[in-house]
Amino acid sequence: MADVAHDGATIGVDLGGTRAKAGLVDASGAIIARDLVAVPEERDEDDIVSLLTELVRGLDPGGGAPIGIAAAGVIDRRHGIVRESPNFPEWKDFALAKRLAEASGRRVHLENDANAVIYGEMACGAARGCEDIVGYTLGTGVGGGIILGGELWRGARGMAGELGHVTVVRDGGRPCGCGNHGCLEQYVGAVGIRRTLEERGGKLAELADSRDAPRDLAKAADAGDDEARAVFAEIGRHLGVAAAAAIHTLDVLTIVLAGGITHAQHLFVPALEAELRARTFASMCEGVRVVVGTLGEDAGVLGAAALARMAAGTER
């Protein structure tokens, strides 16, 4: 824990459905103190504000470091409001930033969690030095972040970057909660991978019930299981279809993959790159790099802290 003020430091908070991770981050992007607390099952708004207030005060008791919060869902960054969140379905238009600012006496910047992860990789991770990025966060589902000219592209209403809902299977695709069929996250997210295993049957269906199906699938693939390898090749092709659309639309040079199944990058990135080459103009694909995030579970904390630092500098 921190017990002194740190000039130029910001606090990054990654607010998940079951736990909140936080770090006091110095101006160089290093975490100098960290903490993790459980999120109560009731998820009451007042309780969450109190929990976060105590969390940041514990990290920076003698200072006023600005706070960046990364949270899942539809985020109205301009007004600091969580419009809706899969982790907190009872929240509707919750003014989280304003409430936490009032309780803590600090500036608070609220951001979508996938945006924060990809921004973190640009600020201090695998994409450091890159300015034009499309990033995919591979978790239970698939999130995304778009960075153009070194800045997050949030769109007209702040909701840009829902890259998990790009169609990759046109006919007979799996239904998705967004209302579409054949979305990327239905095949590349952990839930989608489990469904693939169930549909394929046999030994693969048994893996679907394991605690960490993607990791166990990777172990089988590394042990020479051709069926498991075929599943990862298919995952890579789906990602390649989505990435090709991003290249044609935005002409970015860097594709970032973070979280989830990236531990098995050797099993699916080659298929992604091959699909990308097959589906894009050669001149547009030239120079495009696919990189895997290096920040791990710290990505959201570091991204939120970097965004808070940028916002605080803009407000001065």
Protein backbone atom coordinates (compact mmCIF):
# COMPACT_ATOMS: atom_id res chain seq x y z
CA MET A 1 0.00 0.00 0.00
CA ALA A 2 1.04 3.58 -0.58
CA ASP A 3 1.55 5.87 2.39
CA VAL A 4 2.86 9.00 0.68
CA ALA A 5 1.70 11.20 -2.16
CA HIS A 6 3.25 10.54 -5.58
CA ASP A 7 3.50 13.45 -7.99
CA GLY A 8 2.01 12.70 -11.40
CA ALA A 9 0.49 9.39 -10.30
CA THR A 10 -2.98 8.25 -11.31
CA ILE A 11 -5.15 5.41 -10.11
CA GLY A 12 -6.49 2.78 -12.49
CA VAL A 13 -9.47 0.65 -11.48
CA ASP A 14 -10.65 -2.41 -13.41
CA LEU A 15 -14.20 -2.95 -12.16
CA GLY A 16 -15.29 -6.50 -12.90
CA GLY A 17 -18.40 -8.42 -12.00
CA THR A 18 -16.82 -10.26 -9.06
CA ARG A 19 -13.77 -8.18 -8.14
CA ALA A 20 -12.25 -4.74 -8.52
CA LYS A 21 -8.53 -4.45 -9.25
CA ALA A 22 -6.76 -1.15 -8.72
CA GLY A 23 -3.26 0.21 -9.02
CA LEU A 24 -1.46 3.45 -8.26
CA VAL A 25 0.47 4.12 -11.47
CA ASP A 26 3.37 6.56 -11.79
CA ALA A 27 4.01 8.83 -14.77
CA SER A 28 6.22 6.21 -16.43
CA GLY A 29 3.40 3.65 -16.45
CA ALA A 30 4.70 1.50 -13.58
CA ILE A 31 2.33 0.20 -10.91
CA ILE A 32 3.77 1.28 -7.57
CA ALA A 33 0.96 -0.02 -5.36
CA ARG A 34 -1.96 -2.32 -6.01
CA ASP A 35 -5.00 -3.82 -4.33
CA LEU A 36 -7.86 -6.16 -5.15
CA VAL A 37 -11.25 -6.43 -3.46
CA ALA A 38 -14.33 -8.58 -3.95
CA VAL A 39 -17.44 -6.97 -5.41
CA PRO A 40 -20.49 -7.65 -3.21
CA GLU A 41 -23.19 -9.84 -4.71
CA GLU A 42 -25.89 -7.22 -4.02
CA ARG A 43 -24.15 -4.76 -6.39
CA ASP A 44 -25.95 -1.83 -4.79
CA GLU A 45 -24.83 1.49 -6.29
CA ASP A 46 -24.10 3.09 -2.90
CA ASP A 47 -22.09 0.06 -1.82
CA ILE A 48 -20.04 0.10 -5.02
CA VAL A 49 -19.23 3.80 -4.58
CA SER A 50 -18.17 3.20 -0.97
CA LEU A 51 -16.10 0.17 -1.98
CA LEU A 52 -14.25 2.09 -4.69
CA THR A 53 -13.74 5.13 -2.46
CA GLU A 54 -12.04 3.02 0.19
CA LEU A 55 -10.04 1.20 -2.45
CA VAL A 56 -8.52 4.37 -3.93
CA ARG A 57 -7.94 5.98 -0.53
CA GLY A 58 -6.05 2.90 0.55
CA LEU A 59 -3.75 3.22 -2.44
CA ASP A 60 -3.24 6.99 -2.18
CA PRO A 61 -4.21 8.16 1.32
CA GLY A 62 -2.16 11.33 1.30
CA GLY A 63 -2.79 12.53 -2.25
CA GLY A 64 -5.45 13.38 -4.78
CA ALA A 65 -4.46 11.17 -7.70
CA PRO A 66 -7.08 11.21 -10.49
CA ILE A 67 -9.00 7.98 -11.01
CA GLY A 68 -9.61 6.06 -14.21
CA ILE A 69 -12.28 3.35 -14.10
CA ALA A 70 -12.64 0.59 -16.68
CA ALA A 71 -16.09 -1.02 -16.67
CA ALA A 72 -17.90 -3.35 -19.03
CA GLY A 73 -20.97 -2.25 -20.94
CA VAL A 74 -22.37 0.77 -22.71
CA ILE A 75 -20.40 3.67 -21.29
CA ASP A 76 -21.27 7.35 -21.75
CA ARG A 77 -17.76 8.65 -21.20
CA ARG A 78 -18.64 12.31 -21.65
CA HIS A 79 -21.13 12.26 -18.80
CA GLY A 80 -19.45 9.52 -16.76
CA ILE A 81 -22.48 7.24 -16.89
CA VAL A 82 -22.81 3.47 -17.12
CA ARG A 83 -25.85 3.20 -19.39
CA GLU A 84 -26.01 -0.58 -19.03
CA SER A 85 -23.59 -3.30 -18.08
CA PRO A 86 -23.57 -7.10 -18.43
CA ASN A 87 -21.76 -7.32 -15.08
CA PHE A 88 -24.34 -5.14 -13.31
CA PRO A 89 -27.66 -5.72 -15.12
CA GLU A 90 -29.59 -3.82 -12.47
CA TRP A 91 -27.71 -0.61 -13.28
CA LYS A 92 -29.50 1.81 -15.59
CA ASP A 93 -27.88 5.17 -16.33
CA PHE A 94 -25.71 4.99 -13.21
CA ALA A 95 -23.64 8.20 -12.87
CA LEU A 96 -20.66 6.30 -11.50
CA ALA A 97 -18.00 8.93 -12.26
CA LYS A 98 -19.92 11.77 -10.65
CA ARG A 99 -20.80 9.73 -7.57
CA LEU A 100 -17.22 8.54 -7.06
CA ALA A 101 -15.82 12.03 -7.65
CA GLU A 102 -18.12 13.44 -4.97
CA ALA A 103 -17.26 10.67 -2.51
CA SER A 104 -13.50 10.70 -3.09
CA GLY A 105 -12.85 14.36 -3.89
CA ARG A 106 -10.91 13.39 -7.03
CA ARG A 107 -11.27 13.67 -10.79
CA VAL A 108 -12.78 10.50 -12.23
CA HIS A 109 -12.60 9.29 -15.84
CA LEU A 110 -14.93 6.42 -16.84
CA GLU A 111 -14.12 4.19 -19.82
CA ASN A 112 -15.30 0.97 -21.43
CA ASP A 113 -13.14 -1.91 -20.20
CA ALA A 114 -12.10 -3.18 -23.64
CA ASN A 115 -11.10 0.34 -24.68
CA ALA A 116 -8.98 0.60 -21.54
CA VAL A 117 -7.24 -2.72 -22.21
CA ILE A 118 -6.30 -1.81 -25.78
CA TYR A 119 -5.25 1.70 -24.74
CA GLY A 120 -3.10 0.15 -22.02
CA GLU A 121 -1.32 -2.02 -24.57
CA MET A 122 -0.65 1.10 -26.66
CA ALA A 123 0.52 3.16 -23.68
CA CYS A 124 2.83 0.61 -22.09
CA GLY A 125 2.43 -2.80 -23.67
CA ALA A 126 2.74 -4.73 -26.92
CA ALA A 127 1.57 -1.84 -29.12
CA ARG A 128 3.72 0.87 -27.55
CA GLY A 129 4.73 3.36 -30.21
CA CYS A 130 1.83 2.43 -32.50
CA GLU A 131 -0.85 5.01 -33.31
CA ASP A 132 -3.38 3.18 -35.51
CA ILE A 133 -4.72 0.04 -33.86
CA VAL A 134 -7.67 -2.30 -33.86
CA GLY A 135 -7.68 -4.48 -30.76
CA TYR A 136 -9.70 -7.50 -29.70
CA THR A 137 -10.18 -8.53 -26.06
CA LEU A 138 -10.81 -12.26 -26.01
CA GLY A 139 -12.70 -13.27 -22.90
CA THR A 140 -16.09 -14.76 -22.14
CA GLY A 141 -17.19 -12.81 -25.20
CA VAL A 142 -15.16 -10.53 -27.46
CA GLY A 143 -14.69 -6.81 -26.91
CA GLY A 144 -12.73 -4.33 -28.92
CA GLY A 145 -10.99 -1.00 -29.05
CA ILE A 146 -10.06 1.27 -31.94
CA ILE A 147 -7.20 3.76 -31.73
CA LEU A 148 -6.61 6.22 -34.56
CA GLY A 149 -3.82 8.77 -34.49
CA GLY A 150 -2.97 7.71 -30.96
CA GLU A 151 -6.47 8.43 -29.62
CA LEU A 152 -9.39 6.17 -28.86
CA TRP A 153 -12.09 6.32 -31.49
CA ARG A 154 -15.37 6.19 -29.61
CA GLY A 155 -17.84 7.18 -32.32
CA ALA A 156 -20.71 9.66 -32.29
CA ARG A 157 -22.28 8.22 -29.12
CA GLY A 158 -19.22 6.76 -27.47
CA MET A 159 -20.08 3.18 -28.37
CA ALA A 160 -17.62 2.42 -31.19
CA GLY A 161 -15.47 -0.68 -30.98
CA GLU A 162 -18.08 -3.43 -30.51
CA LEU A 163 -15.88 -5.63 -32.67
CA GLY A 164 -17.21 -8.87 -31.23
CA HIS A 165 -20.43 -8.25 -33.14
CA VAL A 166 -18.95 -8.19 -36.62
CA THR A 167 -20.53 -10.98 -38.71
CA VAL A 168 -18.08 -13.77 -39.54
CA VAL A 169 -20.58 -16.54 -40.40
CA ARG A 170 -23.19 -15.35 -42.86
CA ASP A 171 -25.59 -18.26 -43.35
CA GLY A 172 -26.83 -20.26 -40.39
CA GLY A 173 -24.67 -18.37 -37.92
CA ARG A 174 -25.30 -18.71 -34.21
CA PRO A 175 -27.78 -16.22 -32.71
CA CYS A 176 -26.25 -13.50 -30.56
CA GLY A 177 -27.65 -11.41 -27.73
CA CYS A 178 -27.14 -8.29 -29.85
CA GLY A 179 -29.85 -9.48 -32.24
CA ASN A 180 -27.48 -10.52 -35.02
CA HIS A 181 -26.43 -14.00 -36.15
CA GLY A 182 -22.91 -15.24 -36.76
CA CYS A 183 -21.09 -12.70 -34.58
CA LEU A 184 -17.37 -13.10 -33.95
CA GLU A 185 -17.82 -13.56 -30.21
CA GLN A 186 -20.10 -16.54 -30.80
CA TYR A 187 -17.09 -18.44 -32.16
CA VAL A 188 -14.02 -16.88 -30.52
CA GLY A 189 -15.20 -16.00 -26.99
CA ALA A 190 -14.97 -18.68 -24.28
CA VAL A 191 -18.72 -19.32 -24.40
CA GLY A 192 -18.57 -19.70 -28.16
CA ILE A 193 -15.61 -22.07 -27.97
CA ARG A 194 -17.51 -24.27 -25.51
CA ARG A 195 -20.42 -24.38 -27.91
CA THR A 196 -18.11 -25.38 -30.76
CA LEU A 197 -16.76 -28.24 -28.67
CA GLU A 198 -20.27 -29.40 -27.81
CA GLU A 199 -21.31 -29.33 -31.47
CA ARG A 200 -18.25 -31.31 -32.59
CA GLY A 201 -18.97 -34.06 -30.07
CA GLY A 202 -16.75 -36.94 -29.03
CA LYS A 203 -13.63 -36.12 -27.04
CA LEU A 204 -14.04 -32.42 -27.71
CA ALA A 205 -17.51 -32.36 -26.14
CA GLU A 206 -15.99 -33.69 -22.93
CA LEU A 207 -13.63 -30.72 -22.83
CA ALA A 208 -16.58 -28.32 -23.01
CA ASP A 209 -17.44 -29.15 -19.39
CA SER A 210 -13.94 -28.50 -18.03
CA ARG A 211 -13.27 -25.50 -15.82
CA ASP A 212 -11.03 -23.85 -18.43
CA ALA A 213 -12.10 -25.37 -21.75
CA PRO A 214 -9.91 -23.16 -24.00
CA ARG A 215 -6.75 -23.96 -22.00
CA ASP A 216 -7.52 -27.68 -21.94
CA LEU A 217 -8.22 -27.53 -25.67
CA ALA A 218 -4.81 -25.94 -26.19
CA LYS A 219 -3.14 -28.72 -24.18
CA ALA A 220 -4.84 -31.29 -26.40
CA ALA A 221 -3.74 -29.43 -29.53
CA ASP A 222 -0.15 -29.19 -28.30
CA ALA A 223 -0.24 -32.93 -27.60
CA GLY A 224 -1.02 -33.53 -31.29
CA ASP A 225 -4.83 -33.80 -31.29
CA ASP A 226 -5.83 -32.94 -34.87
CA GLU A 227 -9.42 -32.12 -33.94
CA ALA A 228 -8.29 -29.64 -31.30
CA ARG A 229 -5.87 -28.08 -33.77
CA ALA A 230 -8.70 -27.74 -36.28
CA VAL A 231 -10.78 -25.80 -33.75
CA PHE A 232 -7.96 -23.31 -33.20
CA ALA A 233 -7.44 -22.95 -36.95
CA GLU A 234 -11.12 -22.12 -37.30
CA ILE A 235 -10.83 -19.54 -34.49
CA GLY A 236 -7.92 -17.95 -36.35
CA ARG A 237 -9.89 -17.83 -39.60
CA HIS A 238 -12.85 -16.13 -37.89
CA LEU A 239 -10.52 -13.53 -36.40
CA GLY A 240 -8.92 -13.06 -39.81
CA VAL A 241 -12.30 -12.37 -41.43
CA ALA A 242 -13.04 -9.70 -38.80
CA ALA A 243 -9.56 -8.18 -38.98
CA ALA A 244 -9.71 -7.97 -42.78
CA ALA A 245 -12.88 -5.89 -42.53
CA ALA A 246 -11.12 -3.60 -40.04
CA ILE A 247 -8.11 -3.18 -42.33
CA HIS A 248 -10.27 -2.31 -45.31
CA THR A 249 -12.36 0.12 -43.25
CA LEU A 250 -9.72 1.85 -41.15
CA ASP A 251 -6.33 1.13 -42.77
CA VAL A 252 -4.68 0.42 -39.42
CA LEU A 253 -1.22 -1.15 -39.16
CA THR A 254 -1.54 -3.01 -35.87
CA ILE A 255 -3.95 -5.72 -34.74
CA VAL A 256 -3.77 -6.35 -30.99
CA LEU A 257 -5.08 -9.51 -29.34
CA ALA A 258 -5.46 -9.40 -25.56
CA GLY A 259 -6.59 -11.79 -22.84
CA GLY A 260 -8.46 -15.06 -23.13
CA ILE A 261 -6.96 -17.56 -25.53
CA THR A 262 -3.81 -15.57 -26.34
CA HIS A 263 -1.83 -18.16 -24.35
CA ALA A 264 -2.48 -20.36 -27.41
CA GLN A 265 -1.41 -17.77 -29.98
CA HIS A 266 0.85 -20.26 -31.78
CA LEU A 267 -2.22 -22.36 -32.54
CA PHE A 268 -4.42 -19.72 -34.16
CA VAL A 269 -2.45 -16.59 -35.12
CA PRO A 270 -0.93 -18.24 -38.25
CA ALA A 271 -4.46 -19.00 -39.52
CA LEU A 272 -5.52 -15.42 -38.68
CA GLU A 273 -2.61 -13.99 -40.67
CA ALA A 274 -3.25 -16.30 -43.62
CA GLU A 275 -6.93 -15.33 -43.71
CA LEU A 276 -6.00 -11.67 -43.46
CA ARG A 277 -3.68 -11.96 -46.46
CA ALA A 278 -6.32 -13.83 -48.45
CA ARG A 279 -9.04 -11.25 -47.81
CA THR A 280 -7.28 -7.91 -48.20
CA PHE A 281 -5.57 -5.99 -50.98
CA ALA A 282 -1.89 -6.91 -50.89
CA SER A 283 -0.96 -3.23 -50.62
CA MET A 284 -3.25 -2.77 -47.60
CA CYS A 285 -2.08 -5.91 -45.84
CA GLU A 286 1.59 -5.05 -46.30
CA GLY A 287 3.16 -3.91 -43.04
CA VAL A 288 0.21 -4.96 -40.87
CA ARG A 289 1.35 -6.62 -37.63
CA VAL A 290 -0.62 -8.94 -35.37
CA VAL A 291 0.68 -8.57 -31.80
CA VAL A 292 -0.38 -10.26 -28.57
CA GLY A 293 -0.83 -8.18 -25.44
CA THR A 294 1.88 -8.34 -22.81
CA LEU A 295 0.18 -6.65 -19.85
CA GLY A 296 -2.02 -9.56 -18.80
CA GLU A 297 -4.43 -8.78 -15.98
CA ASP A 298 -2.84 -5.35 -15.49
CA ALA A 299 -3.95 -4.10 -18.92
CA GLY A 300 -7.27 -2.62 -17.76
CA VAL A 301 -5.70 -0.97 -14.72
CA LEU A 302 -2.84 0.54 -16.73
CA GLY A 303 -5.14 1.67 -19.54
CA ALA A 304 -7.61 3.30 -17.17
CA ALA A 305 -4.76 5.07 -15.34
CA ALA A 306 -3.24 6.32 -18.62
CA LEU A 307 -6.62 7.64 -19.78
CA ALA A 308 -7.14 9.38 -16.42
CA ARG A 309 -3.71 11.01 -16.77
CA MET A 310 -4.55 12.22 -20.26
CA ALA A 311 -7.97 13.54 -19.16
CA ALA A 312 -6.49 15.33 -16.15
CA GLY A 313 -3.90 17.01 -18.34
CA THR A 314 -6.60 18.17 -20.75
CA GLU A 315 -8.71 19.64 -17.93
CA ARG A 316 -5.87 21.73 -16.50
